[in-house]
Amino acid sequence: MKKIFLVLAAALCVASVSAQSKFESSVKQAAQTVASQKWSVGLRVGSGLQVDAECFYAGDKYVEGRLGLGWIGGLGADFTALHNWNCCAWDWTPQAGKWFLDAGVGVNLGGAKHFMYVGVAGQVKFGIKFNKVPIRLAVDVTPAFGPYFHLPYSEMVEVPNTSGGVDKVKVKYGGGAGFYANGLLNLGLSATYCF
């Protein structure tokens, strides 16, 4: 009985060491993958003010996320997520840096008080990545196509009454929907720090 117990304990120890070794190997591999990715973070100004983050995961492909305030159609929140490809690269100014042309697709959503929109977004970005400083400077067009929704709401408004005073009246506004044409005007200039 003691021999069976010792054999089982030894087998359990070997299995535990093997599993721990595999786990450590997979953790190291995941850490190396994340470390090999190239990131850039910065600001984009144009149809809004947004924080811009890019993660280059396979040479000429990268994922871009933007979050901030949009002001076309009223001040509100704006979020864009894009998958981009580097279409062309030129070495026009070898002392300064490499020029690039990127294109991508994704989703754009946002809104303000009682208003929201969602749409498919496309992007064309032209810019330069400098050699001596880790900065990408680019101008882009990111049109978004999709619907908007006005949500129903009510508010209290002051209305003059016949006795010269003011009455507060609750006014209800209905909802509505349509095509968000302002999303087509999404132009911007971005500067990102690469690390």
N, C-alpha and C. Protein backbone atom coordinates (compact mmCIF):
# COMPACT_ATOMS: atom_id res chain seq x y z
N MET A 1 0.82 -1.19 0.00
CA MET A 1 0.00 0.00 0.00
C MET A 1 0.86 1.26 0.00
N LYS A 2 1.98 1.20 0.83
CA LYS A 2 2.87 2.34 0.89
C LYS A 2 3.52 2.58 -0.47
N LYS A 3 3.86 1.52 -1.20
CA LYS A 3 4.49 1.65 -2.50
C LYS A 3 3.54 2.32 -3.50
N ILE A 4 2.28 1.94 -3.48
CA ILE A 4 1.29 2.54 -4.39
C ILE A 4 1.13 4.02 -4.07
N PHE A 5 1.08 4.35 -2.77
CA PHE A 5 0.97 5.74 -2.36
C PHE A 5 2.18 6.55 -2.81
N LEU A 6 3.38 6.00 -2.64
CA LEU A 6 4.61 6.69 -3.07
C LEU A 6 4.65 6.87 -4.58
N VAL A 7 4.23 5.84 -5.33
CA VAL A 7 4.20 5.94 -6.80
C VAL A 7 3.20 7.02 -7.24
N LEU A 8 2.03 7.05 -6.63
CA LEU A 8 1.03 8.07 -6.97
C LEU A 8 1.54 9.47 -6.61
N ALA A 9 2.18 9.62 -5.45
CA ALA A 9 2.72 10.91 -5.04
C ALA A 9 3.81 11.36 -6.01
N ALA A 10 4.69 10.45 -6.42
CA ALA A 10 5.76 10.78 -7.37
C ALA A 10 5.17 11.19 -8.71
N ALA A 11 4.16 10.46 -9.18
CA ALA A 11 3.51 10.80 -10.47
C ALA A 11 2.84 12.17 -10.39
N LEU A 12 2.22 12.46 -9.27
CA LEU A 12 1.57 13.76 -9.08
C LEU A 12 2.61 14.89 -9.08
N CYS A 13 3.74 14.66 -8.44
CA CYS A 13 4.81 15.68 -8.43
C CYS A 13 5.35 15.93 -9.83
N VAL A 14 5.58 14.86 -10.61
CA VAL A 14 6.09 15.00 -11.98
C VAL A 14 5.07 15.74 -12.84
N ALA A 15 3.78 15.39 -12.71
CA ALA A 15 2.73 16.07 -13.49
C ALA A 15 2.65 17.55 -13.10
N SER A 16 2.78 17.85 -11.81
CA SER A 16 2.72 19.23 -11.35
C SER A 16 3.89 20.05 -11.89
N VAL A 17 5.10 19.49 -11.85
CA VAL A 17 6.28 20.19 -12.38
C VAL A 17 6.14 20.41 -13.88
N SER A 18 5.62 19.40 -14.60
CA SER A 18 5.44 19.52 -16.05
C SER A 18 4.40 20.59 -16.38
N ALA A 19 3.29 20.64 -15.66
CA ALA A 19 2.25 21.64 -15.90
C ALA A 19 2.77 23.04 -15.58
N GLN A 20 3.55 23.15 -14.48
CA GLN A 20 4.11 24.45 -14.12
C GLN A 20 5.08 24.93 -15.18
N SER A 21 5.87 24.02 -15.72
CA SER A 21 6.83 24.37 -16.78
C SER A 21 6.09 24.84 -18.03
N LYS A 22 5.01 24.16 -18.42
CA LYS A 22 4.23 24.56 -19.59
C LYS A 22 3.57 25.92 -19.35
N PHE A 23 3.05 26.14 -18.13
CA PHE A 23 2.42 27.42 -17.81
C PHE A 23 3.43 28.55 -17.88
N GLU A 24 4.62 28.37 -17.28
CA GLU A 24 5.65 29.40 -17.32
C GLU A 24 6.07 29.69 -18.75
N SER A 25 6.17 28.65 -19.57
CA SER A 25 6.54 28.83 -20.98
C SER A 25 5.49 29.65 -21.72
N SER A 26 4.20 29.35 -21.49
CA SER A 26 3.14 30.10 -22.18
C SER A 26 3.08 31.54 -21.70
N VAL A 27 3.34 31.80 -20.42
CA VAL A 27 3.35 33.17 -19.91
C VAL A 27 4.51 33.95 -20.53
N LYS A 28 5.70 33.32 -20.61
CA LYS A 28 6.84 33.98 -21.23
C LYS A 28 6.58 34.29 -22.69
N GLN A 29 5.96 33.35 -23.40
CA GLN A 29 5.65 33.56 -24.82
C GLN A 29 4.66 34.71 -24.99
N ALA A 30 3.63 34.78 -24.16
CA ALA A 30 2.66 35.88 -24.24
C ALA A 30 3.33 37.22 -23.94
N ALA A 31 4.22 37.25 -22.94
CA ALA A 31 4.92 38.49 -22.61
C ALA A 31 5.82 38.94 -23.76
N GLN A 32 6.48 37.99 -24.42
CA GLN A 32 7.33 38.34 -25.57
C GLN A 32 6.49 38.88 -26.72
N THR A 33 5.31 38.30 -26.95
CA THR A 33 4.43 38.77 -28.02
C THR A 33 3.99 40.21 -27.77
N VAL A 34 3.58 40.51 -26.52
CA VAL A 34 3.15 41.87 -26.19
C VAL A 34 4.33 42.84 -26.30
N ALA A 35 5.51 42.41 -25.84
CA ALA A 35 6.68 43.29 -25.90
C ALA A 35 7.12 43.56 -27.33
N SER A 36 6.87 42.62 -28.25
CA SER A 36 7.29 42.82 -29.64
C SER A 36 6.33 43.73 -30.41
N GLN A 37 5.15 43.97 -29.87
CA GLN A 37 4.21 44.86 -30.53
C GLN A 37 4.69 46.30 -30.37
N LYS A 38 4.42 47.10 -31.38
CA LYS A 38 4.81 48.50 -31.36
C LYS A 38 3.57 49.34 -31.12
N TRP A 39 3.67 50.28 -30.22
CA TRP A 39 2.54 51.11 -29.82
C TRP A 39 2.83 52.57 -30.14
N SER A 40 1.77 53.33 -30.32
CA SER A 40 1.89 54.78 -30.40
C SER A 40 0.65 55.40 -29.76
N VAL A 41 0.86 56.49 -29.05
CA VAL A 41 -0.22 57.18 -28.34
C VAL A 41 -0.07 58.67 -28.58
N GLY A 42 -1.18 59.36 -28.81
CA GLY A 42 -1.12 60.79 -29.04
C GLY A 42 -2.48 61.44 -29.06
N LEU A 43 -2.56 62.57 -29.78
CA LEU A 43 -3.80 63.34 -29.88
C LEU A 43 -4.19 63.52 -31.34
N ARG A 44 -5.50 63.63 -31.56
CA ARG A 44 -6.04 63.94 -32.89
C ARG A 44 -6.98 65.12 -32.73
N VAL A 45 -6.80 66.13 -33.59
CA VAL A 45 -7.63 67.33 -33.57
C VAL A 45 -8.24 67.48 -34.95
N GLY A 46 -9.51 67.84 -35.00
CA GLY A 46 -10.19 68.05 -36.27
C GLY A 46 -11.66 68.22 -36.03
N SER A 47 -12.44 67.18 -36.29
CA SER A 47 -13.87 67.24 -36.01
C SER A 47 -14.15 66.99 -34.54
N GLY A 48 -13.10 66.91 -33.76
CA GLY A 48 -13.19 66.73 -32.32
C GLY A 48 -11.79 66.70 -31.75
N LEU A 49 -11.69 66.52 -30.44
CA LEU A 49 -10.41 66.36 -29.77
C LEU A 49 -10.41 64.96 -29.17
N GLN A 50 -9.49 64.12 -29.63
CA GLN A 50 -9.49 62.73 -29.21
C GLN A 50 -8.10 62.26 -28.81
N VAL A 51 -8.05 61.33 -27.86
CA VAL A 51 -6.84 60.59 -27.57
C VAL A 51 -6.78 59.46 -28.59
N ASP A 52 -5.62 59.29 -29.21
CA ASP A 52 -5.44 58.32 -30.30
C ASP A 52 -4.40 57.29 -29.88
N ALA A 53 -4.73 56.00 -29.95
CA ALA A 53 -3.78 54.92 -29.62
C ALA A 53 -3.74 53.93 -30.78
N GLU A 54 -2.53 53.49 -31.13
CA GLU A 54 -2.34 52.54 -32.22
C GLU A 54 -1.48 51.38 -31.73
N CYS A 55 -1.82 50.17 -32.15
CA CYS A 55 -1.04 48.97 -31.82
C CYS A 55 -0.71 48.25 -33.12
N PHE A 56 0.57 48.27 -33.50
CA PHE A 56 1.04 47.60 -34.71
C PHE A 56 1.33 46.15 -34.35
N TYR A 57 0.59 45.22 -34.93
CA TYR A 57 0.75 43.84 -34.53
C TYR A 57 1.36 42.95 -35.61
N ALA A 58 1.42 43.37 -36.85
CA ALA A 58 1.99 42.52 -37.90
C ALA A 58 2.54 43.39 -39.02
N GLY A 59 3.67 44.02 -38.79
CA GLY A 59 4.33 44.80 -39.83
C GLY A 59 3.50 45.95 -40.36
N ASP A 60 2.67 45.66 -41.35
CA ASP A 60 1.91 46.72 -42.02
C ASP A 60 0.46 46.80 -41.54
N LYS A 61 0.09 46.10 -40.47
CA LYS A 61 -1.28 46.12 -39.96
C LYS A 61 -1.28 46.67 -38.54
N TYR A 62 -2.32 47.45 -38.22
CA TYR A 62 -2.44 47.95 -36.86
C TYR A 62 -3.89 48.26 -36.53
N VAL A 63 -4.17 48.25 -35.23
CA VAL A 63 -5.48 48.57 -34.70
C VAL A 63 -5.38 49.96 -34.08
N GLU A 64 -6.38 50.79 -34.35
CA GLU A 64 -6.38 52.16 -33.84
C GLU A 64 -7.67 52.41 -33.07
N GLY A 65 -7.55 53.05 -31.92
CA GLY A 65 -8.70 53.44 -31.12
C GLY A 65 -8.63 54.91 -30.78
N ARG A 66 -9.76 55.60 -30.88
CA ARG A 66 -9.84 57.03 -30.54
C ARG A 66 -11.00 57.24 -29.59
N LEU A 67 -10.76 58.08 -28.60
CA LEU A 67 -11.81 58.40 -27.64
C LEU A 67 -11.68 59.87 -27.28
N GLY A 68 -12.79 60.58 -27.32
CA GLY A 68 -12.72 62.00 -26.98
C GLY A 68 -14.02 62.72 -27.17
N LEU A 69 -13.91 64.02 -27.44
CA LEU A 69 -15.07 64.87 -27.65
C LEU A 69 -15.20 65.21 -29.12
N GLY A 70 -16.41 65.11 -29.63
CA GLY A 70 -16.70 65.56 -30.99
C GLY A 70 -17.53 66.81 -30.92
N TRP A 71 -17.34 67.73 -31.86
CA TRP A 71 -18.12 68.97 -31.81
C TRP A 71 -18.87 69.25 -33.09
N ILE A 72 -18.82 68.36 -34.07
CA ILE A 72 -19.66 68.55 -35.25
C ILE A 72 -21.04 68.02 -34.92
N GLY A 73 -22.04 68.86 -35.01
CA GLY A 73 -23.40 68.46 -34.66
C GLY A 73 -23.69 68.63 -33.18
N GLY A 74 -22.81 69.28 -32.43
CA GLY A 74 -23.02 69.49 -31.01
C GLY A 74 -21.95 68.77 -30.20
N LEU A 75 -21.59 69.32 -29.06
CA LEU A 75 -20.55 68.76 -28.22
C LEU A 75 -21.02 67.45 -27.61
N GLY A 76 -20.23 66.41 -27.77
CA GLY A 76 -20.58 65.11 -27.21
C GLY A 76 -19.41 64.16 -27.26
N ALA A 77 -19.61 62.96 -26.76
CA ALA A 77 -18.58 61.94 -26.74
C ALA A 77 -18.47 61.28 -28.12
N ASP A 78 -17.25 60.84 -28.45
CA ASP A 78 -17.03 60.19 -29.74
C ASP A 78 -16.02 59.07 -29.56
N PHE A 79 -16.30 57.88 -30.10
CA PHE A 79 -15.39 56.74 -30.04
C PHE A 79 -15.27 56.14 -31.42
N THR A 80 -14.04 55.85 -31.84
CA THR A 80 -13.79 55.21 -33.13
C THR A 80 -12.80 54.08 -32.93
N ALA A 81 -13.08 52.92 -33.51
CA ALA A 81 -12.16 51.77 -33.51
C ALA A 81 -11.95 51.37 -34.96
N LEU A 82 -10.68 51.25 -35.37
CA LEU A 82 -10.34 50.98 -36.78
C LEU A 82 -9.30 49.88 -36.89
N HIS A 83 -9.39 49.13 -37.97
CA HIS A 83 -8.31 48.20 -38.35
C HIS A 83 -7.69 48.77 -39.61
N ASN A 84 -6.39 49.09 -39.56
CA ASN A 84 -5.72 49.78 -40.66
C ASN A 84 -4.63 48.93 -41.29
N TRP A 85 -4.36 49.23 -42.55
CA TRP A 85 -3.28 48.62 -43.30
C TRP A 85 -2.41 49.71 -43.89
N ASN A 86 -1.11 49.49 -43.89
CA ASN A 86 -0.20 50.41 -44.57
C ASN A 86 -0.22 50.03 -46.05
N CYS A 87 -0.75 50.91 -46.88
CA CYS A 87 -0.87 50.64 -48.32
C CYS A 87 0.41 50.96 -49.08
N CYS A 88 1.02 52.08 -48.74
CA CYS A 88 2.22 52.54 -49.46
C CYS A 88 3.17 53.19 -48.48
N ALA A 89 4.47 53.11 -48.80
CA ALA A 89 5.49 53.82 -48.03
C ALA A 89 6.50 54.39 -49.03
N TRP A 90 6.93 55.62 -48.77
CA TRP A 90 7.87 56.29 -49.67
C TRP A 90 9.05 56.82 -48.86
N ASP A 91 10.20 56.83 -49.48
CA ASP A 91 11.41 57.35 -48.86
C ASP A 91 11.78 58.66 -49.55
N TRP A 92 10.84 59.59 -49.63
CA TRP A 92 11.05 60.86 -50.32
C TRP A 92 12.08 61.73 -49.61
N THR A 93 12.06 61.71 -48.30
CA THR A 93 12.97 62.53 -47.51
C THR A 93 13.73 61.61 -46.54
N PRO A 94 14.79 60.93 -47.02
CA PRO A 94 15.46 59.95 -46.17
C PRO A 94 16.06 60.54 -44.90
N GLN A 95 16.42 61.81 -44.90
CA GLN A 95 16.98 62.43 -43.70
C GLN A 95 15.88 62.66 -42.64
N ALA A 96 14.69 63.01 -43.08
CA ALA A 96 13.60 63.34 -42.15
C ALA A 96 12.85 62.10 -41.67
N GLY A 97 12.40 61.26 -42.61
CA GLY A 97 11.63 60.09 -42.22
C GLY A 97 10.95 59.45 -43.41
N LYS A 98 10.11 58.44 -43.11
CA LYS A 98 9.37 57.72 -44.15
C LYS A 98 7.94 58.24 -44.22
N TRP A 99 7.47 58.44 -45.44
CA TRP A 99 6.09 58.85 -45.68
C TRP A 99 5.23 57.61 -45.84
N PHE A 100 3.96 57.70 -45.47
CA PHE A 100 3.09 56.53 -45.55
C PHE A 100 1.67 56.92 -45.96
N LEU A 101 0.97 55.95 -46.50
CA LEU A 101 -0.46 56.07 -46.82
C LEU A 101 -1.13 54.82 -46.25
N ASP A 102 -2.06 55.03 -45.32
CA ASP A 102 -2.77 53.93 -44.67
C ASP A 102 -4.25 54.01 -45.01
N ALA A 103 -4.91 52.87 -44.98
CA ALA A 103 -6.36 52.80 -45.18
C ALA A 103 -6.92 51.81 -44.17
N GLY A 104 -8.17 52.04 -43.75
CA GLY A 104 -8.76 51.14 -42.77
C GLY A 104 -10.26 51.23 -42.71
N VAL A 105 -10.85 50.30 -41.95
CA VAL A 105 -12.29 50.24 -41.73
C VAL A 105 -12.55 49.97 -40.25
N GLY A 106 -13.73 50.36 -39.79
CA GLY A 106 -14.07 50.13 -38.40
C GLY A 106 -15.45 50.62 -38.06
N VAL A 107 -15.60 51.08 -36.84
CA VAL A 107 -16.89 51.54 -36.34
C VAL A 107 -16.71 52.87 -35.61
N ASN A 108 -17.73 53.73 -35.70
CA ASN A 108 -17.73 55.02 -35.04
C ASN A 108 -19.05 55.17 -34.31
N LEU A 109 -18.99 55.59 -33.04
CA LEU A 109 -20.22 55.84 -32.30
C LEU A 109 -20.01 56.99 -31.34
N GLY A 110 -21.09 57.61 -30.99
CA GLY A 110 -21.00 58.75 -30.09
C GLY A 110 -22.36 59.32 -29.80
N GLY A 111 -22.35 60.48 -29.19
CA GLY A 111 -23.61 61.11 -28.88
C GLY A 111 -23.45 62.23 -27.87
N ALA A 112 -24.53 62.86 -27.61
CA ALA A 112 -24.62 63.93 -26.64
C ALA A 112 -25.93 63.74 -25.89
N LYS A 113 -26.35 64.75 -25.15
CA LYS A 113 -27.59 64.64 -24.39
C LYS A 113 -28.76 64.40 -25.34
N HIS A 114 -29.47 63.28 -25.17
CA HIS A 114 -30.66 62.92 -25.94
C HIS A 114 -30.37 62.66 -27.43
N PHE A 115 -29.12 62.36 -27.77
CA PHE A 115 -28.77 62.15 -29.17
C PHE A 115 -27.65 61.11 -29.23
N MET A 116 -27.75 60.15 -30.15
CA MET A 116 -26.68 59.17 -30.34
C MET A 116 -26.61 58.75 -31.80
N TYR A 117 -25.44 58.30 -32.20
CA TYR A 117 -25.24 57.81 -33.56
C TYR A 117 -24.28 56.64 -33.54
N VAL A 118 -24.36 55.82 -34.56
CA VAL A 118 -23.47 54.68 -34.74
C VAL A 118 -23.30 54.47 -36.24
N GLY A 119 -22.12 54.07 -36.64
CA GLY A 119 -21.92 53.88 -38.08
C GLY A 119 -20.65 53.13 -38.41
N VAL A 120 -20.59 52.71 -39.64
CA VAL A 120 -19.39 52.09 -40.20
C VAL A 120 -18.45 53.22 -40.57
N ALA A 121 -17.18 53.09 -40.22
CA ALA A 121 -16.20 54.13 -40.51
C ALA A 121 -15.14 53.60 -41.47
N GLY A 122 -14.67 54.48 -42.32
CA GLY A 122 -13.53 54.17 -43.19
C GLY A 122 -12.46 55.20 -42.91
N GLN A 123 -11.26 54.94 -43.36
CA GLN A 123 -10.20 55.92 -43.11
C GLN A 123 -9.14 55.88 -44.20
N VAL A 124 -8.65 57.05 -44.55
CA VAL A 124 -7.46 57.21 -45.39
C VAL A 124 -6.56 58.18 -44.63
N LYS A 125 -5.32 57.76 -44.37
CA LYS A 125 -4.39 58.55 -43.56
C LYS A 125 -3.08 58.71 -44.32
N PHE A 126 -2.60 59.96 -44.40
CA PHE A 126 -1.33 60.26 -45.07
C PHE A 126 -0.44 60.99 -44.08
N GLY A 127 0.82 60.54 -43.96
CA GLY A 127 1.68 61.21 -43.00
C GLY A 127 3.13 60.79 -43.10
N ILE A 128 3.88 61.13 -42.06
CA ILE A 128 5.31 60.83 -41.99
C ILE A 128 5.65 60.31 -40.60
N LYS A 129 6.54 59.31 -40.58
CA LYS A 129 7.12 58.83 -39.32
C LYS A 129 8.57 59.31 -39.33
N PHE A 130 8.91 60.18 -38.38
CA PHE A 130 10.23 60.79 -38.34
C PHE A 130 11.30 59.80 -37.90
N ASN A 131 12.52 59.97 -38.42
CA ASN A 131 13.64 59.09 -38.08
C ASN A 131 14.27 59.43 -36.73
N LYS A 132 14.50 60.70 -36.47
CA LYS A 132 15.28 61.09 -35.30
C LYS A 132 14.46 61.23 -34.03
N VAL A 133 13.16 61.38 -34.16
CA VAL A 133 12.26 61.41 -33.00
C VAL A 133 11.14 60.40 -33.24
N PRO A 134 10.68 59.70 -32.21
CA PRO A 134 9.66 58.67 -32.42
C PRO A 134 8.24 59.24 -32.53
N ILE A 135 8.02 60.05 -33.56
CA ILE A 135 6.73 60.73 -33.74
C ILE A 135 6.17 60.37 -35.11
N ARG A 136 4.85 60.11 -35.14
CA ARG A 136 4.10 59.98 -36.40
C ARG A 136 3.17 61.18 -36.51
N LEU A 137 3.27 61.91 -37.61
CA LEU A 137 2.41 63.06 -37.87
C LEU A 137 1.59 62.74 -39.10
N ALA A 138 0.25 62.87 -39.02
CA ALA A 138 -0.60 62.46 -40.13
C ALA A 138 -1.85 63.31 -40.22
N VAL A 139 -2.38 63.39 -41.44
CA VAL A 139 -3.68 63.99 -41.69
C VAL A 139 -4.57 62.86 -42.21
N ASP A 140 -5.83 62.84 -41.75
CA ASP A 140 -6.70 61.73 -42.16
C ASP A 140 -8.11 62.21 -42.45
N VAL A 141 -8.80 61.40 -43.22
CA VAL A 141 -10.23 61.55 -43.48
C VAL A 141 -10.85 60.25 -42.98
N THR A 142 -11.79 60.36 -42.04
CA THR A 142 -12.43 59.18 -41.45
C THR A 142 -13.95 59.35 -41.50
N PRO A 143 -14.56 59.20 -42.68
CA PRO A 143 -16.01 59.35 -42.74
C PRO A 143 -16.72 58.17 -42.08
N ALA A 144 -17.85 58.46 -41.47
CA ALA A 144 -18.69 57.43 -40.83
C ALA A 144 -20.08 57.48 -41.45
N PHE A 145 -20.61 56.33 -41.78
CA PHE A 145 -21.93 56.21 -42.41
C PHE A 145 -22.85 55.46 -41.47
N GLY A 146 -23.97 56.07 -41.10
CA GLY A 146 -24.88 55.35 -40.23
C GLY A 146 -26.01 56.22 -39.74
N PRO A 147 -26.90 55.64 -38.93
CA PRO A 147 -28.07 56.37 -38.43
C PRO A 147 -27.78 57.15 -37.16
N TYR A 148 -28.64 58.14 -36.90
CA TYR A 148 -28.65 58.83 -35.62
C TYR A 148 -30.03 58.65 -35.02
N PHE A 149 -30.09 58.82 -33.70
CA PHE A 149 -31.34 58.67 -32.98
C PHE A 149 -31.48 59.81 -31.99
N HIS A 150 -32.61 60.53 -32.06
CA HIS A 150 -32.96 61.51 -31.04
C HIS A 150 -33.85 60.77 -30.05
N LEU A 151 -33.44 60.73 -28.82
CA LEU A 151 -34.19 60.00 -27.80
C LEU A 151 -35.28 60.91 -27.24
N PRO A 152 -36.46 60.36 -26.96
CA PRO A 152 -37.52 61.20 -26.38
C PRO A 152 -37.12 61.68 -24.98
N TYR A 153 -37.45 62.93 -24.66
CA TYR A 153 -37.16 63.48 -23.35
C TYR A 153 -38.14 64.61 -23.06
N SER A 154 -38.13 65.05 -21.79
CA SER A 154 -38.97 66.18 -21.41
C SER A 154 -38.15 67.11 -20.51
N GLU A 155 -38.54 68.37 -20.50
CA GLU A 155 -37.86 69.34 -19.67
C GLU A 155 -38.85 70.40 -19.22
N MET A 156 -38.50 71.08 -18.14
CA MET A 156 -39.35 72.16 -17.62
C MET A 156 -38.91 73.47 -18.27
N VAL A 157 -39.87 74.22 -18.82
CA VAL A 157 -39.59 75.52 -19.42
C VAL A 157 -40.49 76.56 -18.75
N GLU A 158 -40.00 77.80 -18.75
CA GLU A 158 -40.78 78.90 -18.17
C GLU A 158 -41.57 79.57 -19.27
N VAL A 159 -42.87 79.76 -19.00
CA VAL A 159 -43.78 80.37 -19.97
C VAL A 159 -44.49 81.54 -19.27
N PRO A 160 -44.50 82.74 -19.93
CA PRO A 160 -45.22 83.87 -19.31
C PRO A 160 -46.72 83.57 -19.21
N ASN A 161 -47.33 83.96 -18.10
CA ASN A 161 -48.77 83.77 -17.96
C ASN A 161 -49.50 85.10 -18.13
N THR A 162 -50.80 85.10 -18.08
CA THR A 162 -51.61 86.30 -18.34
C THR A 162 -51.53 87.31 -17.21
N SER A 163 -51.15 86.89 -16.02
CA SER A 163 -51.07 87.84 -14.90
C SER A 163 -49.70 88.51 -14.79
N GLY A 164 -48.84 88.31 -15.77
CA GLY A 164 -47.52 88.94 -15.77
C GLY A 164 -46.44 88.12 -15.10
N GLY A 165 -46.81 86.98 -14.58
CA GLY A 165 -45.83 86.09 -13.94
C GLY A 165 -45.31 85.04 -14.92
N VAL A 166 -44.66 84.07 -14.35
CA VAL A 166 -44.09 82.98 -15.16
C VAL A 166 -44.55 81.66 -14.58
N ASP A 167 -45.01 80.79 -15.44
CA ASP A 167 -45.39 79.43 -15.05
C ASP A 167 -44.35 78.45 -15.60
N LYS A 168 -44.11 77.39 -14.83
CA LYS A 168 -43.23 76.32 -15.32
C LYS A 168 -44.10 75.24 -15.92
N VAL A 169 -43.76 74.88 -17.15
CA VAL A 169 -44.54 73.89 -17.88
C VAL A 169 -43.60 72.77 -18.33
N LYS A 170 -44.05 71.54 -18.21
CA LYS A 170 -43.26 70.40 -18.66
C LYS A 170 -43.54 70.18 -20.14
N VAL A 171 -42.47 70.22 -20.95
CA VAL A 171 -42.61 70.04 -22.40
C VAL A 171 -41.95 68.72 -22.78
N LYS A 172 -42.68 67.90 -23.55
CA LYS A 172 -42.14 66.62 -23.99
C LYS A 172 -41.71 66.73 -25.45
N TYR A 173 -40.53 66.21 -25.72
CA TYR A 173 -40.01 66.18 -27.08
C TYR A 173 -39.97 64.73 -27.55
N GLY A 174 -40.44 64.51 -28.75
CA GLY A 174 -40.45 63.15 -29.30
C GLY A 174 -39.10 62.75 -29.84
N GLY A 175 -38.92 61.48 -30.04
CA GLY A 175 -37.68 60.97 -30.61
C GLY A 175 -37.73 61.02 -32.13
N GLY A 176 -36.66 60.60 -32.73
CA GLY A 176 -36.58 60.59 -34.18
C GLY A 176 -35.31 59.88 -34.62
N ALA A 177 -35.22 59.64 -35.89
CA ALA A 177 -34.04 58.98 -36.44
C ALA A 177 -33.79 59.48 -37.84
N GLY A 178 -32.61 59.26 -38.34
CA GLY A 178 -32.25 59.67 -39.68
C GLY A 178 -30.83 59.26 -40.00
N PHE A 179 -30.30 59.75 -41.11
CA PHE A 179 -28.92 59.48 -41.51
C PHE A 179 -28.02 60.56 -40.94
N TYR A 180 -26.95 60.17 -40.27
CA TYR A 180 -26.03 61.12 -39.64
C TYR A 180 -25.05 61.66 -40.67
N ALA A 181 -25.44 62.75 -41.34
CA ALA A 181 -24.62 63.35 -42.41
C ALA A 181 -23.35 63.99 -41.88
N ASN A 182 -23.35 64.47 -40.62
CA ASN A 182 -22.15 65.11 -40.06
C ASN A 182 -20.98 64.15 -39.94
N GLY A 183 -21.25 62.84 -39.88
CA GLY A 183 -20.18 61.86 -39.81
C GLY A 183 -19.31 61.83 -41.05
N LEU A 184 -19.82 62.36 -42.16
CA LEU A 184 -19.05 62.39 -43.40
C LEU A 184 -17.95 63.46 -43.36
N LEU A 185 -18.02 64.39 -42.40
CA LEU A 185 -17.09 65.52 -42.33
C LEU A 185 -15.93 65.28 -41.37
N ASN A 186 -15.61 64.05 -41.08
CA ASN A 186 -14.62 63.72 -40.05
C ASN A 186 -13.20 63.83 -40.59
N LEU A 187 -12.61 65.03 -40.48
CA LEU A 187 -11.23 65.29 -40.90
C LEU A 187 -10.39 65.53 -39.66
N GLY A 188 -9.09 65.19 -39.73
CA GLY A 188 -8.27 65.43 -38.55
C GLY A 188 -6.78 65.41 -38.80
N LEU A 189 -6.06 65.94 -37.85
CA LEU A 189 -4.60 65.96 -37.83
C LEU A 189 -4.17 65.28 -36.54
N SER A 190 -3.29 64.27 -36.65
CA SER A 190 -2.88 63.54 -35.45
C SER A 190 -1.36 63.56 -35.31
N ALA A 191 -0.94 63.56 -34.06
CA ALA A 191 0.48 63.43 -33.71
C ALA A 191 0.57 62.38 -32.62
N THR A 192 1.32 61.30 -32.88
CA THR A 192 1.44 60.23 -31.92
C THR A 192 2.89 59.93 -31.61
N TYR A 193 3.15 59.54 -30.38
CA TYR A 193 4.49 59.16 -29.90
C TYR A 193 4.60 57.65 -29.99
N CYS A 194 5.62 57.14 -30.67
CA CYS A 194 5.82 55.70 -30.88
C CYS A 194 6.76 55.14 -29.81
N PHE A 195 6.40 54.00 -29.26
CA PHE A 195 7.27 53.32 -28.30
C PHE A 195 7.15 51.82 -28.44
